[in-house]
Amino acid sequence: MPLVNIKITKEGVTPEKKAELIKGATQLLVDVLGKNPQTTFVIIEEVDTDNWGVGGESVTVRRKRSQ
């Protein structure tokens, strides 16, 4: 029973795009590892940009600075 956890910043990803991620991640495990898609779990976690940091600062701060 594989589990894939996808974390993305919370920025309005559509339900259709999330469905594509779920389908694609599932198919990758089928193709590469021969896993059963019926027992493959995919979780998408959306993280607020204030709670996602890189280079010692939040994504929110980095994006504001680059505008």
N, C-alpha and C. Protein backbone atom coordinates (compact mmCIF):
# COMPACT_ATOMS: atom_id res chain seq x y z
N MET A 1 0.83 -1.19 0.00
CA MET A 1 0.00 0.00 0.00
C MET A 1 0.88 1.25 0.00
N PRO A 2 1.31 1.72 -1.16
CA PRO A 2 2.13 2.93 -1.18
C PRO A 2 1.32 4.18 -0.86
N LEU A 3 2.02 5.13 -0.29
CA LEU A 3 1.44 6.42 0.05
C LEU A 3 2.34 7.51 -0.51
N VAL A 4 1.77 8.39 -1.29
CA VAL A 4 2.50 9.53 -1.84
C VAL A 4 1.93 10.78 -1.18
N ASN A 5 2.81 11.62 -0.63
CA ASN A 5 2.39 12.85 0.00
C ASN A 5 2.98 14.01 -0.81
N ILE A 6 2.12 14.78 -1.44
CA ILE A 6 2.54 15.92 -2.25
C ILE A 6 2.23 17.18 -1.46
N LYS A 7 3.26 18.00 -1.26
CA LYS A 7 3.06 19.28 -0.56
C LYS A 7 3.29 20.40 -1.54
N ILE A 8 2.30 21.29 -1.61
CA ILE A 8 2.38 22.45 -2.50
C ILE A 8 1.97 23.69 -1.71
N THR A 9 2.40 24.85 -2.20
CA THR A 9 1.94 26.07 -1.55
C THR A 9 0.48 26.30 -1.90
N LYS A 10 -0.22 26.87 -0.94
CA LYS A 10 -1.66 27.11 -1.07
C LYS A 10 -1.88 28.37 -1.89
N GLU A 11 -2.06 28.16 -3.18
CA GLU A 11 -2.19 29.31 -4.07
C GLU A 11 -3.20 29.05 -5.18
N GLY A 12 -4.34 28.51 -4.81
CA GLY A 12 -5.42 28.39 -5.76
C GLY A 12 -5.27 27.31 -6.81
N VAL A 13 -4.66 26.19 -6.46
CA VAL A 13 -4.58 25.07 -7.40
C VAL A 13 -5.99 24.52 -7.58
N THR A 14 -6.40 24.36 -8.81
CA THR A 14 -7.78 23.94 -9.09
C THR A 14 -7.98 22.46 -8.76
N PRO A 15 -9.22 22.09 -8.50
CA PRO A 15 -9.52 20.66 -8.30
C PRO A 15 -9.09 19.80 -9.49
N GLU A 16 -9.19 20.36 -10.69
CA GLU A 16 -8.78 19.63 -11.88
C GLU A 16 -7.27 19.36 -11.88
N LYS A 17 -6.48 20.33 -11.47
CA LYS A 17 -5.02 20.15 -11.40
C LYS A 17 -4.65 19.16 -10.30
N LYS A 18 -5.39 19.19 -9.20
CA LYS A 18 -5.14 18.22 -8.13
C LYS A 18 -5.47 16.81 -8.62
N ALA A 19 -6.54 16.67 -9.38
CA ALA A 19 -6.89 15.37 -9.95
C ALA A 19 -5.79 14.86 -10.87
N GLU A 20 -5.18 15.77 -11.64
CA GLU A 20 -4.06 15.40 -12.51
C GLU A 20 -2.87 14.92 -11.69
N LEU A 21 -2.58 15.62 -10.59
CA LEU A 21 -1.48 15.19 -9.72
C LEU A 21 -1.73 13.80 -9.15
N ILE A 22 -2.95 13.56 -8.70
CA ILE A 22 -3.29 12.26 -8.12
C ILE A 22 -3.15 11.16 -9.18
N LYS A 23 -3.69 11.41 -10.35
CA LYS A 23 -3.61 10.42 -11.43
C LYS A 23 -2.16 10.17 -11.84
N GLY A 24 -1.40 11.24 -11.99
CA GLY A 24 -0.01 11.11 -12.42
C GLY A 24 0.88 10.41 -11.41
N ALA A 25 0.72 10.75 -10.14
CA ALA A 25 1.51 10.11 -9.09
C ALA A 25 1.18 8.63 -8.99
N THR A 26 -0.10 8.31 -9.10
CA THR A 26 -0.53 6.92 -9.07
C THR A 26 0.06 6.15 -10.25
N GLN A 27 -0.01 6.73 -11.43
CA GLN A 27 0.51 6.05 -12.62
C GLN A 27 2.02 5.87 -12.54
N LEU A 28 2.72 6.82 -11.96
CA LEU A 28 4.17 6.70 -11.79
C LEU A 28 4.52 5.47 -10.95
N LEU A 29 3.79 5.27 -9.86
CA LEU A 29 4.04 4.09 -9.02
C LEU A 29 3.68 2.80 -9.73
N VAL A 30 2.67 2.83 -10.55
CA VAL A 30 2.30 1.66 -11.35
C VAL A 30 3.43 1.35 -12.34
N ASP A 31 3.88 2.37 -13.06
CA ASP A 31 4.88 2.18 -14.11
C ASP A 31 6.25 1.80 -13.58
N VAL A 32 6.70 2.46 -12.52
CA VAL A 32 8.06 2.27 -12.02
C VAL A 32 8.16 1.09 -11.06
N LEU A 33 7.19 0.95 -10.17
CA LEU A 33 7.29 -0.07 -9.13
C LEU A 33 6.28 -1.21 -9.28
N GLY A 34 5.41 -1.11 -10.28
CA GLY A 34 4.42 -2.15 -10.47
C GLY A 34 3.36 -2.22 -9.39
N LYS A 35 3.09 -1.08 -8.75
CA LYS A 35 2.10 -1.05 -7.66
C LYS A 35 0.68 -1.08 -8.19
N ASN A 36 -0.21 -1.58 -7.37
CA ASN A 36 -1.62 -1.65 -7.71
C ASN A 36 -2.25 -0.27 -7.50
N PRO A 37 -2.83 0.32 -8.54
CA PRO A 37 -3.42 1.66 -8.37
C PRO A 37 -4.59 1.67 -7.38
N GLN A 38 -5.24 0.54 -7.21
CA GLN A 38 -6.38 0.47 -6.29
C GLN A 38 -5.96 0.55 -4.82
N THR A 39 -4.69 0.33 -4.55
CA THR A 39 -4.20 0.41 -3.16
C THR A 39 -3.11 1.47 -3.01
N THR A 40 -3.07 2.41 -3.95
CA THR A 40 -2.10 3.50 -3.91
C THR A 40 -2.81 4.77 -3.43
N PHE A 41 -2.30 5.34 -2.37
CA PHE A 41 -2.90 6.54 -1.77
C PHE A 41 -2.07 7.76 -2.12
N VAL A 42 -2.75 8.84 -2.47
CA VAL A 42 -2.08 10.11 -2.77
C VAL A 42 -2.75 11.19 -1.92
N ILE A 43 -1.93 11.89 -1.15
CA ILE A 43 -2.42 12.98 -0.30
C ILE A 43 -1.79 14.28 -0.80
N ILE A 44 -2.61 15.29 -0.99
CA ILE A 44 -2.10 16.61 -1.36
C ILE A 44 -2.31 17.53 -0.17
N GLU A 45 -1.21 18.08 0.30
CA GLU A 45 -1.27 19.04 1.41
C GLU A 45 -0.94 20.42 0.87
N GLU A 46 -1.82 21.36 1.12
CA GLU A 46 -1.58 22.74 0.72
C GLU A 46 -1.10 23.53 1.93
N VAL A 47 0.06 24.13 1.78
CA VAL A 47 0.70 24.85 2.87
C VAL A 47 0.68 26.34 2.56
N ASP A 48 0.23 27.13 3.51
CA ASP A 48 0.24 28.58 3.35
C ASP A 48 1.67 29.06 3.13
N THR A 49 1.85 30.05 2.27
CA THR A 49 3.21 30.52 1.96
C THR A 49 3.91 31.12 3.18
N ASP A 50 3.15 31.53 4.20
CA ASP A 50 3.77 31.99 5.44
C ASP A 50 4.41 30.82 6.20
N ASN A 51 3.95 29.61 5.92
CA ASN A 51 4.43 28.42 6.63
C ASN A 51 5.40 27.60 5.80
N TRP A 52 5.89 28.14 4.72
CA TRP A 52 6.82 27.44 3.83
C TRP A 52 8.04 28.33 3.70
N GLY A 53 9.18 27.85 4.15
CA GLY A 53 10.38 28.68 4.13
C GLY A 53 11.47 28.09 3.26
N VAL A 54 12.28 28.96 2.73
CA VAL A 54 13.46 28.58 1.95
C VAL A 54 14.50 29.68 2.10
N GLY A 55 15.74 29.30 2.28
CA GLY A 55 16.80 30.30 2.42
C GLY A 55 16.65 31.18 3.65
N GLY A 56 16.00 30.67 4.69
CA GLY A 56 15.87 31.41 5.93
C GLY A 56 14.72 32.40 5.99
N GLU A 57 13.83 32.36 5.01
CA GLU A 57 12.69 33.26 5.03
C GLU A 57 11.47 32.58 4.41
N SER A 58 10.30 33.13 4.68
CA SER A 58 9.08 32.52 4.16
C SER A 58 8.94 32.80 2.66
N VAL A 59 8.18 31.96 2.00
CA VAL A 59 7.90 32.16 0.58
C VAL A 59 7.15 33.48 0.39
N THR A 60 6.28 33.83 1.32
CA THR A 60 5.55 35.09 1.24
C THR A 60 6.51 36.27 1.15
N VAL A 61 7.51 36.30 2.02
CA VAL A 61 8.49 37.40 2.04
C VAL A 61 9.30 37.40 0.75
N ARG A 62 9.76 36.25 0.32
CA ARG A 62 10.57 36.16 -0.90
C ARG A 62 9.79 36.67 -2.11
N ARG A 63 8.52 36.29 -2.19
CA ARG A 63 7.73 36.72 -3.35
C ARG A 63 7.42 38.22 -3.31
N LYS A 64 7.18 38.77 -2.13
CA LYS A 64 6.93 40.21 -2.01
C LYS A 64 8.17 40.98 -2.43
N ARG A 65 9.33 40.47 -2.03
CA ARG A 65 10.58 41.15 -2.35
C ARG A 65 10.86 41.14 -3.85
N SER A 66 10.47 40.09 -4.54
CA SER A 66 10.77 39.96 -5.97
C SER A 66 9.76 40.67 -6.87
N GLN A 67 8.76 41.31 -6.29
CA GLN A 67 7.75 42.02 -7.11
C GLN A 67 8.24 43.36 -7.53
